[in-house]
């Protein structure tokens, strides 16, 4: 019964009547249609379903989406540029969207409706030859709803979206709109984990001495050694990524979109090191801005230290730099290793730091709208070490590692106040060094020493994922083992146009 049901549901979705050119295809269509009708009979009468209209509606909607999708491609002159894999991705996401939107609404019909599940992408048959069509066929066709198109497109990878821009003019305009780019950034379908780590001890002084292992799948089931960075000269480094954008600092400062492979060299500025770097969208001007904060120490003639911390802001739309004078930065003593790349949320960039006099840990905010720091944020703990700043449920959050008790606290800021979200531990059997950052659904990463190697490095050699919602006996698992793991990079694929609105 299950096999016949799957076969019939696959046949209804996979067969395209417009491509029936020979007797063999026609006979196959008759056989598959017979199997589908038999299965529909069993579903409606043997199982006791008394409303065949709703049952048929689910099958009809699936056929409708696949047919419209093919007709969209066939009506353009650029269908040759769309590969079979692109069509399969589109079909798979269409099925996923329909299963999420249509089937739950018809849940009362019968549980066999769920047999129309994700994974049966239709068989796509495309030829370079163009089929002769009725001139009025385009007018007769009922178009796919625009909101459904946007929902489906918003969860596709950047590589597919770049190719889909050639389908039609409306798709080209929509994919490059600010609203769609923001919508695409908010989903978790195109998020990747990148782990920077040094090479083995024998190659520690070779250039480049850093390797990057990244996970192309959000399930962290596979890893890849493919380099996702452009060629960076000796002495150069990068900060980020911010919304899929890297800031590359060497002789010149450049912005690089990892997903679209776009590179933009910025105008030259003097006296910068980029101790702190932030990049985010200014909600006031609706333009992206890059912030560089330098934290040098200068000696006066009397021998005392004088703090000079210039702030420069680059605006993407105007392609210009601006110097910012901020008195709050003079109270800041230093920055945290691994916290050089700021955390940007709702038009504000945040960096972990500490007060110059008391060494108390604080958070330095910089508002992109008015380009001011305003009030420095105090953290809810006394310790300076074992902290990691990030975003959890669209709120500023902190992870704090207690080295004595081996517990990890998660703090979330709501309306200007810190609230302890949860406490994990004690983590028995893990020699945890420090928290690395947040992942998804409340899970987070920890840096731990490899227990199999004697005299492990203090910077840790394992990346541990802790998932509080896991149903397994142990809520943590090792996702990576390497030599001297530094920090983590959470990379989201992005369509942000670093060329600016004029391009």
Foldseek 3Di string as FASTA:
>chain_A
DLVLLLQLLLLLQADDPVPPDDPVSVVVNVVSVVSNVVVLCCLCPVVPQPDSVLVVVLSVVSNLVLNQVVVLLLPAPCNVLQDPVLLQLLQQLLLVVCLVPPCVVVVVRDPSSCSSHGDSRHHDDDDPDRDDDDPCPVVPDDHDDPVSVLVSVLLDFLVSLVSCLRSDVVSVVQCQDPVSQVSSLPDPNFKKKKFKFAADPVCCPPPPRIFIKMDRGLVLPDIDRDDLDDDADPPKDWADDDQQWIWIDDQWTWIARSRVRDIDTADDDPDFDQQAWEWDAAPVVRWIKIKGWDWDWDADPVGDIFTDIWMWMATLAVRDIDTDDAPVVRQWQHFDQVFRYWEDAPQKTWGWTAGNPPRFIWIFIAGNHVRYRPDIGHDPDRDRPQWDWYDDPRFTKIWHADQVFCKIWIWTDDPRDIDTPDIDDNPPPWQWLHWFADRPPGKGKTATADPVDPPTDSQHFWIKIADPPDPDPGRIDTSGGGHRTRHMHIHGNGPDDSNHPVD
